[in-house]
Amino acid sequence: MASNMFFVVFLLLLMLFSSVTPTEINQDLVAATKEMQKANYFTFVMLINMSPFDTRLEGNVTFLMPNDRMLANMVLQEGSISSFLLRHSVPSPLIFETLEQFPTGSIIPSSMPNCMLRVSNYGRRNFVLNNVKIISRNICTAGSSIRCHGIDGVLSEDCVSNNNSSVLKPTCSNSTYPSCMASPPIPAPTLPSPPTRANLSPTFGAPSPSDVNVGTHKSESPYDGDLFLVQAG
């Protein structure tokens, strides 16, 4: 009888904890999107709201956000919103003071599998990941599981390979903010050729004639422009 009672109590506790965790993460996401909107990243918030449910984007994540001007009139293939957000995020909540500890040449994984971010660290005001610079630091700080930073462009789809490189797994204890520290970085022994502006420039503009426009979406951004979702022709 006692063992049965223990089993029932255990199941109740398991159900309780499993129900609390998603709620807390969802609250962090709600808080983070409010902070993004307050900082005028309306289009990025719209993409989050349009994205299908993905636990990788719900918590324990750092978003790298192009501003509304960069996203205005951008063309996205239908169904590619999740990929865009995964490419623009890191699977750990990292304040900028943690990121800036990674030296030039470090490789950080994005939330998208096999898509790496190569660090070029020239100081607080010139910290570059692949082809973009972090220009607005620590925008999301209210919740414990989500951080976000503004960047000056759109990350290229040509991700840095992790072949022959030491990949650094970002680590951060949510309970230690703001004194969250990264593990000592390990410089990569060999690295791929640095990305060039020529092959990393994102493509903006209207859909090509072979694309089928399946709708435009407006955000609350002060910038005039539509986000085009298209199907491959």
Protein backbone atom coordinates (compact mmCIF):
# COMPACT_ATOMS: atom_id res chain seq x y z
CA MET A 1 0.00 0.00 0.00
CA ALA A 2 2.79 2.39 0.96
CA SER A 3 4.65 1.65 -2.27
CA ASN A 4 1.49 2.34 -4.31
CA MET A 5 0.99 5.64 -2.53
CA PHE A 6 4.60 6.60 -3.22
CA PHE A 7 4.12 5.80 -6.91
CA VAL A 8 0.99 7.98 -7.09
CA VAL A 9 2.75 10.89 -5.38
CA PHE A 10 5.71 10.47 -7.75
CA LEU A 11 3.44 10.60 -10.80
CA LEU A 12 1.68 13.71 -9.49
CA LEU A 13 4.98 15.46 -8.90
CA LEU A 14 6.20 14.45 -12.36
CA MET A 15 3.06 15.86 -13.96
CA LEU A 16 3.40 19.04 -11.93
CA PHE A 17 6.99 19.72 -12.96
CA SER A 18 6.35 18.81 -16.60
CA SER A 19 3.47 21.27 -16.72
CA VAL A 20 5.36 24.11 -15.06
CA THR A 21 8.46 24.09 -17.24
CA PRO A 22 6.79 24.86 -20.62
CA THR A 23 4.72 27.59 -18.97
CA GLU A 24 7.80 29.25 -17.54
CA ILE A 25 9.57 29.05 -20.88
CA ASN A 26 6.53 30.47 -22.66
CA GLN A 27 6.44 33.34 -20.16
CA ASP A 28 10.09 34.05 -20.93
CA LEU A 29 9.30 34.14 -24.65
CA VAL A 30 6.41 36.52 -24.08
CA ALA A 31 8.63 38.76 -21.96
CA ALA A 32 11.39 38.63 -24.57
CA THR A 33 9.10 39.59 -27.46
CA LYS A 34 7.83 42.55 -25.44
CA GLU A 35 11.42 43.69 -24.93
CA MET A 36 12.11 43.23 -28.65
CA GLN A 37 9.10 45.37 -29.56
CA LYS A 38 10.16 48.03 -27.06
CA ALA A 39 13.51 48.15 -28.87
CA ASN A 40 11.70 48.43 -32.26
CA TYR A 41 12.39 44.91 -33.54
CA PHE A 42 8.78 44.47 -34.65
CA THR A 43 9.45 42.40 -37.77
CA PHE A 44 11.60 39.88 -35.90
CA VAL A 45 8.79 39.45 -33.36
CA MET A 46 6.36 38.89 -36.23
CA LEU A 47 8.59 36.10 -37.55
CA ILE A 48 8.66 34.46 -34.11
CA ASN A 49 4.87 34.60 -33.95
CA MET A 50 4.54 33.16 -37.47
CA SER A 51 6.99 30.32 -36.87
CA PRO A 52 5.64 26.81 -36.18
CA PHE A 53 6.16 25.53 -32.64
CA ASP A 54 9.79 24.55 -32.07
CA THR A 55 11.19 23.87 -28.61
CA ARG A 56 14.59 25.15 -29.79
CA LEU A 57 13.06 28.61 -30.11
CA GLU A 58 10.95 28.59 -26.96
CA GLY A 59 13.72 28.92 -24.35
CA ASN A 60 17.40 28.41 -23.53
CA VAL A 61 18.27 30.46 -26.59
CA THR A 62 19.97 33.67 -27.68
CA PHE A 63 18.40 35.48 -30.66
CA LEU A 64 20.48 37.53 -33.11
CA MET A 65 18.06 40.06 -34.55
CA PRO A 66 18.34 42.08 -37.78
CA ASN A 67 16.41 45.32 -37.40
CA ASP A 68 13.27 46.24 -39.29
CA ARG A 69 15.17 48.19 -41.94
CA MET A 70 17.23 45.09 -42.76
CA LEU A 71 14.17 42.83 -42.92
CA ALA A 72 11.99 45.23 -44.94
CA ASN A 73 11.00 43.75 -48.32
CA MET A 74 12.95 40.57 -47.60
CA VAL A 75 11.86 37.47 -49.51
CA LEU A 76 11.49 34.21 -47.58
CA GLN A 77 10.58 30.86 -49.08
CA GLU A 78 7.36 29.47 -47.65
CA GLY A 79 8.20 27.27 -44.69
CA SER A 80 11.66 28.79 -44.21
CA ILE A 81 10.83 31.01 -41.25
CA SER A 82 11.94 28.38 -38.74
CA SER A 83 15.23 27.92 -40.58
CA PHE A 84 15.77 31.68 -40.60
CA LEU A 85 15.19 31.89 -36.83
CA LEU A 86 17.35 28.84 -36.09
CA ARG A 87 20.18 30.35 -38.12
CA HIS A 88 19.78 33.59 -36.16
CA SER A 89 19.98 32.01 -32.72
CA VAL A 90 22.40 30.22 -30.40
CA PRO A 91 21.19 27.29 -28.23
CA SER A 92 22.07 28.90 -24.90
CA PRO A 93 21.03 32.17 -23.19
CA LEU A 94 24.19 34.31 -23.48
CA ILE A 95 24.59 37.91 -22.40
CA PHE A 96 27.06 39.93 -24.45
CA GLU A 97 29.62 39.92 -21.64
CA THR A 98 29.81 36.14 -22.10
CA LEU A 99 30.02 36.27 -25.90
CA GLU A 100 32.86 38.77 -25.88
CA GLN A 101 35.07 36.30 -24.01
CA PHE A 102 35.35 34.17 -27.17
CA PRO A 103 38.52 35.11 -29.08
CA THR A 104 38.78 35.63 -32.82
CA GLY A 105 38.68 32.29 -34.65
CA SER A 106 36.30 30.60 -32.20
CA ILE A 107 33.42 28.64 -33.69
CA ILE A 108 30.02 28.80 -31.95
CA PRO A 109 27.12 26.55 -33.02
CA SER A 110 23.87 28.17 -34.07
CA SER A 111 20.53 26.50 -33.32
CA MET A 112 20.49 25.15 -36.88
CA PRO A 113 22.35 21.83 -37.16
CA ASN A 114 25.71 22.05 -38.94
CA CYS A 115 25.51 25.84 -39.11
CA MET A 116 28.35 27.52 -37.23
CA LEU A 117 29.09 31.11 -36.28
CA ARG A 118 32.72 32.21 -36.62
CA VAL A 119 33.82 34.85 -34.12
CA SER A 120 35.85 37.91 -35.10
CA ASN A 121 36.38 39.71 -31.80
CA TYR A 122 37.87 43.19 -32.17
CA GLY A 123 36.41 44.61 -28.98
CA ARG A 124 33.03 45.47 -27.53
CA ARG A 125 32.08 47.79 -30.38
CA ASN A 126 33.33 45.51 -33.15
CA PHE A 127 32.21 41.97 -32.33
CA VAL A 128 31.38 40.05 -35.52
CA LEU A 129 29.68 36.69 -36.08
CA ASN A 130 30.20 35.48 -39.65
CA ASN A 131 29.11 38.50 -41.70
CA VAL A 132 27.22 40.54 -39.10
CA LYS A 133 28.18 42.78 -36.19
CA ILE A 134 26.37 42.94 -32.84
CA ILE A 135 25.25 46.56 -32.51
CA SER A 136 22.62 46.43 -29.74
CA ARG A 137 23.57 44.36 -26.71
CA ASN A 138 21.47 42.66 -24.03
CA ILE A 139 18.02 43.68 -25.24
CA CYS A 140 16.29 40.67 -23.66
CA THR A 141 17.03 40.31 -19.95
CA ALA A 142 13.66 39.94 -18.18
CA GLY A 143 13.34 36.14 -18.41
CA SER A 144 15.93 33.62 -17.34
CA SER A 145 16.06 31.44 -20.47
CA ILE A 146 16.15 33.92 -23.38
CA ARG A 147 18.68 36.59 -24.37
CA CYS A 148 18.77 38.66 -27.55
CA HIS A 149 21.05 41.11 -29.33
CA GLY A 150 20.60 43.34 -32.35
CA ILE A 151 22.81 42.79 -35.41
CA ASP A 152 23.56 44.99 -38.41
CA GLY A 153 22.51 42.58 -41.16
CA VAL A 154 21.10 39.19 -42.10
CA LEU A 155 23.27 36.14 -41.48
CA SER A 156 24.31 34.45 -44.70
CA GLU A 157 22.80 31.07 -45.56
CA ASP A 158 26.35 29.92 -46.39
CA CYS A 159 27.13 28.63 -42.92
CA VAL A 160 30.67 28.12 -41.69
CA SER A 161 31.60 24.43 -41.68
CA ASN A 162 32.73 22.81 -38.45
CA ASN A 163 35.18 20.52 -40.27
CA ASN A 164 38.69 20.64 -38.81
CA SER A 165 37.66 23.23 -36.25
CA SER A 166 37.14 23.21 -32.50
CA VAL A 167 33.48 23.95 -31.86
CA LEU A 168 32.76 25.79 -28.63
CA LYS A 169 29.56 24.78 -26.89
CA PRO A 170 28.17 27.92 -25.21
CA THR A 171 27.33 27.37 -21.58
CA CYS A 172 25.55 29.68 -19.22
CA SER A 173 23.84 29.17 -15.91
CA ASN A 174 20.53 30.96 -15.98
CA SER A 175 20.63 31.54 -12.24
CA THR A 176 23.87 33.53 -12.31
CA TYR A 177 22.77 36.45 -14.47
CA PRO A 178 24.27 39.02 -14.83
CA SER A 179 27.58 37.45 -13.83
CA CYS A 180 27.19 34.57 -16.31
CA MET A 181 30.60 33.44 -17.51
CA ALA A 182 31.59 31.19 -20.41
CA SER A 183 33.84 28.18 -20.19
CA PRO A 184 37.43 28.98 -21.25
CA PRO A 185 37.40 29.04 -25.06
CA ILE A 186 39.65 26.77 -27.11
CA PRO A 187 41.07 28.40 -30.26
CA ALA A 188 40.37 26.47 -33.45
CA PRO A 189 43.58 24.92 -34.86
CA THR A 190 42.46 25.25 -38.47
CA LEU A 191 39.67 27.39 -39.81
CA PRO A 192 37.89 27.76 -43.11
CA SER A 193 38.67 30.81 -45.22
CA PRO A 194 37.08 33.96 -43.81
CA PRO A 195 33.74 34.79 -45.39
CA THR A 196 33.86 37.64 -47.90
CA ARG A 197 31.30 40.35 -48.34
CA ALA A 198 30.84 39.28 -51.96
CA ASN A 199 29.54 35.81 -51.18
CA LEU A 200 27.77 36.65 -47.94
CA SER A 201 25.56 39.55 -48.98
CA PRO A 202 21.93 38.68 -48.26
CA THR A 203 19.48 38.95 -51.14
CA PHE A 204 16.63 41.38 -50.82
CA GLY A 205 13.97 42.54 -53.21
CA ALA A 206 10.77 41.42 -54.83
CA PRO A 207 10.05 37.79 -55.75
CA SER A 208 11.23 36.60 -59.13
CA PRO A 209 8.57 35.91 -61.80
CA SER A 210 9.03 32.17 -61.23
CA ASP A 211 7.99 32.51 -57.59
CA VAL A 212 4.40 32.43 -56.48
CA ASN A 213 3.65 35.16 -53.96
CA VAL A 214 1.58 33.57 -51.20
CA GLY A 215 1.05 36.71 -49.20
CA THR A 216 2.66 39.73 -47.62
CA HIS A 217 2.81 40.44 -43.92
CA LYS A 218 3.10 43.78 -42.23
CA SER A 219 4.55 44.43 -38.80
CA GLU A 220 4.16 47.49 -36.61
CA SER A 221 7.51 48.76 -37.84
CA PRO A 222 7.78 52.45 -38.81
CA TYR A 223 9.67 51.33 -41.94
CA ASP A 224 7.60 50.92 -45.08
CA GLY A 225 7.97 47.45 -46.47
CA ASP A 226 6.38 44.06 -46.73
CA LEU A 227 7.77 40.68 -45.80
CA PHE A 228 7.19 38.40 -48.78
CA LEU A 229 6.55 34.69 -48.35
CA VAL A 230 6.96 32.83 -51.62
CA GLN A 231 6.86 29.29 -52.91
CA ALA A 232 9.65 27.96 -55.07
CA GLY A 233 8.58 27.88 -58.68
